[in-house]
Protein backbone atom coordinates (compact mmCIF):
# COMPACT_ATOMS: atom_id res chain seq x y z
CA MET A 1 0.00 0.00 0.00
CA HIS A 2 2.83 2.40 0.81
CA ALA A 3 4.87 1.65 -2.32
CA ALA A 4 2.49 3.32 -4.76
CA PRO A 5 2.32 6.73 -3.06
CA LEU A 6 6.12 6.78 -2.67
CA ARG A 7 6.58 6.07 -6.38
CA ALA A 8 4.18 8.90 -7.29
CA LEU A 9 6.10 11.31 -5.03
CA VAL A 10 9.42 10.48 -6.74
CA ILE A 11 7.91 10.99 -10.20
CA SER A 12 6.50 14.37 -9.16
CA PHE A 13 9.87 15.48 -7.79
CA LEU A 14 11.67 14.50 -11.01
CA ALA A 15 9.12 16.35 -13.11
CA LEU A 16 9.59 19.55 -11.07
CA SER A 17 13.40 19.28 -11.36
CA ALA A 18 13.24 18.91 -15.15
CA ALA A 19 10.96 21.94 -15.44
CA GLY A 20 13.37 24.04 -13.36
CA CYS A 21 16.35 23.07 -15.48
CA GLY A 22 14.46 23.99 -18.62
CA LYS A 23 13.69 27.48 -17.30
CA GLU A 24 17.34 28.08 -16.36
CA SER A 25 18.45 26.98 -19.83
CA ALA A 26 15.94 29.22 -21.49
CA SER A 27 17.01 32.13 -19.26
CA ALA A 28 20.65 31.60 -20.23
CA GLY A 29 19.67 31.49 -23.87
CA ASP A 30 17.70 34.74 -23.52
CA THR A 31 20.70 36.50 -21.96
CA THR A 32 22.94 35.54 -24.88
CA SER A 33 20.31 36.76 -27.34
CA ALA A 34 20.01 40.06 -25.47
CA LYS A 35 23.76 40.60 -25.57
CA ALA A 36 23.80 39.91 -29.32
CA ALA A 37 20.92 42.34 -29.79
CA GLU A 38 22.79 44.99 -27.79
CA SER A 39 25.93 44.57 -29.96
CA LYS A 40 24.00 45.11 -33.22
CA PRO A 41 23.04 48.77 -32.55
CA ALA A 42 26.62 49.48 -31.48
CA ALA A 43 27.93 48.09 -34.75
CA ALA A 44 25.35 50.07 -36.66
CA ASP A 45 26.35 53.26 -34.83
CA SER A 46 30.00 52.60 -35.70
CA ALA A 47 29.16 52.11 -39.37
CA THR A 48 27.10 55.32 -39.37
CA ALA A 49 29.96 57.22 -37.75
CA ASN A 50 32.43 55.93 -40.33
CA LYS A 51 30.05 56.89 -43.12
CA ASP A 52 29.61 60.37 -41.69
CA GLY A 53 33.39 60.70 -41.31
CA ASP A 54 33.93 59.69 -44.93
CA ALA A 55 31.27 62.14 -46.02
CA GLU A 56 32.90 64.99 -44.05
CA SER A 57 36.33 64.06 -45.47
CA GLY A 58 34.95 64.04 -48.99
CA SER A 59 33.20 67.34 -48.40
CA SER A 60 36.43 68.97 -47.13
CA GLU A 61 38.37 67.65 -50.11
CA THR A 62 35.73 68.96 -52.51
CA LYS A 63 35.77 72.37 -50.82
CA GLY A 64 39.58 72.45 -51.00
CA LYS A 65 39.54 71.70 -54.74
CA ALA A 66 36.84 74.33 -55.31
CA LYS A 67 38.88 76.95 -53.38
CA LYS A 68 42.07 76.14 -55.36
CA LYS A 69 40.16 76.45 -58.63
CA SER A 70 38.69 79.76 -57.49
CA ASP A 71 42.14 81.09 -56.51
CA ASP A 72 43.58 80.03 -59.88
CA GLU A 73 40.76 81.78 -61.72
CA MET A 74 41.41 84.99 -59.75
CA THR A 75 45.15 85.00 -60.54
CA VAL A 76 45.97 87.57 -63.22
CA GLU A 77 49.19 86.91 -65.07
CA ARG A 78 51.11 90.11 -65.85
CA LYS A 79 53.44 90.29 -68.82
CA ALA A 80 56.52 92.39 -69.61
CA LYS A 81 54.47 95.19 -71.17
CA ASP A 82 52.28 95.44 -68.08
CA TYR A 83 55.31 96.11 -65.90
CA ILE A 84 57.12 98.51 -68.22
CA THR A 85 53.99 100.63 -68.73
CA THR A 86 52.99 100.95 -65.07
CA PRO A 87 51.32 104.41 -65.22
CA ASP A 88 52.99 106.09 -62.23
CA ALA A 89 56.42 104.45 -62.49
CA VAL A 90 59.60 106.18 -63.62
CA PHE A 91 62.42 103.69 -64.20
CA MET A 92 65.44 105.44 -62.75
CA TYR A 93 68.98 104.62 -63.86
CA SER A 94 70.76 102.43 -61.31
CA PHE A 95 74.50 103.03 -61.56
CA ASN A 96 75.24 100.53 -58.79
CA GLU A 97 73.44 97.69 -60.58
CA SER A 98 74.83 98.47 -64.04
CA ASP A 99 78.07 97.32 -65.65
CA ALA A 100 79.24 100.94 -65.78
CA LYS A 101 80.02 100.89 -62.04
CA ASP A 102 82.57 98.07 -62.30
CA LYS A 103 84.25 99.71 -65.28
CA ALA A 104 84.36 103.08 -63.51
CA GLU A 105 85.83 101.62 -60.32
CA LYS A 106 88.67 100.05 -62.25
CA ALA A 107 89.37 103.16 -64.32
CA CYS A 108 89.14 105.52 -61.33
CA SER A 109 91.40 103.35 -59.18
CA GLU A 110 94.12 103.52 -61.82
CA LYS A 111 93.84 107.32 -61.95
CA THR A 112 93.51 108.16 -58.25
CA LYS A 113 96.17 105.75 -56.91
CA GLY A 114 94.31 105.10 -53.64
CA ASP A 115 93.21 108.70 -52.91
CA GLN A 116 89.70 108.16 -51.51
CA ALA A 117 88.48 111.73 -52.07
CA LYS A 118 89.57 111.69 -55.71
CA GLN A 119 88.07 108.21 -56.10
CA ALA A 120 84.66 109.45 -54.92
CA THR A 121 84.80 112.45 -57.28
CA CYS A 122 85.77 110.21 -60.17
CA MET A 123 82.90 107.78 -59.49
CA THR A 124 80.36 110.62 -59.31
CA ALA A 125 81.51 111.92 -62.66
CA ALA A 126 81.27 108.42 -64.14
CA GLN A 127 77.70 108.07 -62.91
CA LYS A 128 76.67 111.32 -64.62
CA LYS A 129 78.02 110.20 -67.96
CA PHE A 130 74.85 108.26 -68.69
CA GLY A 131 73.11 111.62 -69.13
CA ALA A 132 69.50 110.74 -68.29
CA ASP A 133 67.94 109.95 -64.92
CA GLY A 134 65.28 107.59 -66.12
CA TYR A 135 62.62 106.38 -68.55
CA HIS A 136 58.86 106.65 -68.48
CA PHE A 137 56.41 104.99 -70.85
CA THR A 138 53.08 106.74 -71.20
CA GLN A 139 49.96 106.69 -73.31
CA ASP A 140 47.99 109.75 -74.44
CA ASP A 141 44.20 110.07 -74.64
CA SER A 142 44.14 108.78 -78.21
CA GLY A 143 45.95 105.58 -77.22
CA LYS A 144 49.32 106.53 -78.68
CA TRP A 145 52.39 105.39 -76.73
CA TYR A 146 55.45 107.54 -75.93
CA TRP A 147 58.88 106.83 -74.52
CA GLU A 148 60.00 109.74 -72.35
CA VAL A 149 63.64 110.15 -71.35
CA VAL A 150 63.53 112.22 -68.17
CA GLN A 151 65.76 114.17 -65.83
CA VAL A 152 64.75 114.97 -62.25
CA THR A 153 66.05 118.12 -60.57
CA LYS A 154 66.73 118.60 -56.87
CA ASN A 155 63.27 120.06 -56.27
CA SER A 156 61.74 116.96 -57.90
CA THR A 157 60.78 118.71 -61.12
CA VAL A 158 60.67 116.21 -63.98
CA HIS A 159 62.05 117.41 -67.32
CA ASN A 160 61.61 115.58 -70.61
CA LEU A 161 64.92 115.29 -72.43
CA HIS A 162 63.20 113.30 -75.18
CA ARG A 163 59.66 112.23 -76.01
CA VAL A 164 59.34 109.87 -78.94
CA PRO A 165 56.29 107.96 -80.22
CA ILE A 166 56.69 104.20 -80.01
CA GLU A 167 55.08 100.88 -80.71
CA PHE A 168 55.66 97.64 -78.84
CA GLY A 169 57.10 94.75 -80.80
CA THR A 170 57.87 91.15 -79.92
CA GLU A 171 57.07 90.29 -76.32
CA THR A 172 58.04 87.28 -74.22
CA GLU A 173 57.47 86.55 -70.57
CA LYS A 174 60.66 88.41 -69.60
CA SER A 175 61.31 90.86 -72.45
CA ILE A 176 59.73 93.32 -74.85
CA GLU A 177 60.83 95.29 -77.89
CA VAL A 178 60.23 99.04 -78.08
CA LYS A 179 60.21 100.53 -81.60
CA VAL A 180 60.47 104.26 -82.27
CA VAL A 181 57.91 105.22 -84.94
CA GLY A 182 58.16 109.02 -85.09
CA LYS A 183 60.20 112.14 -84.43
CA ASP A 184 61.28 113.47 -81.05
CA GLU A 185 58.71 115.97 -79.75
CA VAL A 186 61.24 117.76 -77.52
CA LYS A 187 62.60 120.74 -79.46
CA GLY A 188 66.29 121.55 -79.22
CA ALA A 189 67.27 118.30 -77.49
CA LYS A 190 70.98 118.29 -76.66
CA THR A 191 71.44 114.53 -76.84
CA ALA A 192 70.46 111.90 -79.36
CA ALA A 193 66.96 110.51 -79.09
CA PRO A 194 66.60 106.83 -78.24
CA GLY A 195 66.13 104.23 -80.97
CA ASP A 196 64.68 100.74 -81.16
CA THR A 197 65.53 98.84 -77.99
CA LYS A 198 64.88 95.46 -76.47
CA PHE A 199 64.26 95.60 -72.72
CA GLU A 200 64.67 92.67 -70.39
CA VAL A 201 62.03 92.67 -67.65
CA PRO A 202 63.28 90.21 -64.99
CA ASN A 203 60.79 91.26 -62.31
CA SER A 204 58.14 93.85 -61.45
CA TYR A 205 60.56 96.67 -60.54
CA GLN A 206 63.49 96.47 -62.98
CA ILE A 207 64.06 96.86 -66.70
CA ILE A 208 67.41 96.19 -68.35
CA MET A 209 68.89 97.09 -71.70
CA ASN A 210 72.20 96.03 -73.19
CA ASP A 211 74.22 98.87 -74.63
CA PRO A 212 77.12 98.20 -77.06
CA GLN A 213 79.38 100.62 -75.18
CA ASN A 214 78.12 100.48 -71.60
CA GLY A 215 77.06 96.84 -71.35
CA LYS A 216 74.17 96.06 -69.01
CA VAL A 217 72.20 99.17 -68.04
CA VAL A 218 69.70 98.69 -65.21
CA PHE A 219 66.71 100.87 -64.33
CA GLU A 220 64.62 100.52 -61.20
CA ALA A 221 61.00 101.63 -60.77
CA LYS A 222 60.30 104.61 -58.56
CA LEU A 223 56.77 105.72 -57.78
CA GLY A 224 55.50 109.17 -56.88
CA LEU A 225 57.80 111.31 -59.04
CA LEU A 226 54.97 112.16 -61.41
CA GLY A 227 52.40 112.81 -58.71
CA ASP A 228 52.64 116.60 -58.91
CA GLN A 229 51.98 117.36 -62.57
CA SER A 230 52.49 121.08 -61.92
CA LYS A 231 56.22 120.30 -61.69
CA ARG A 232 56.23 118.38 -64.96
CA LYS A 233 58.03 120.16 -67.78
CA ARG A 234 57.85 118.89 -71.34
């Protein structure tokens, strides 16, 4: 009589144990699934961040290319004629940069035999031998171009020693030809008027001509001399 109830009790206990183990297994499985679910949004966020980063990088690169193109389009390339015809520039003779200085130093040293005062006087005289102070290239209201050979006095008055009509010939990046096409407009000029000349234009502030007798002759731009037209004498 007692054996049957005992057997039923054992079966009930085993059934309860199996049910408990099943719940624990399911719970463990749910935890793993939850962790996997949590990792998926993180991976998605990372992918989104990388995509946004790539987009920003591409945008910056595009902007950089657009800016470079804009800067290139705004760059204006100036040629030799643009520099030599700068409206307010007088190209003044630079004795120190010209070949004449080296020749004068040698000749004066032979004459003065080390006398510094005589050497200075000799060099000053050599500098004045060029005759003119500078050149100016100007255009009148009708569009005609002129080459003016000028001299500047101590009170900054600009005198025209010569004023000849010109045309511009062959031009390269660093040089330009100036051709005289008419008579000197300065009456009673004491020196010979200039003739056809090729000027080297190495930069924005210098022009250079090569003279058969004097070698390299350098002129450097000076601004402001023509500002007061009341002191301009033609």
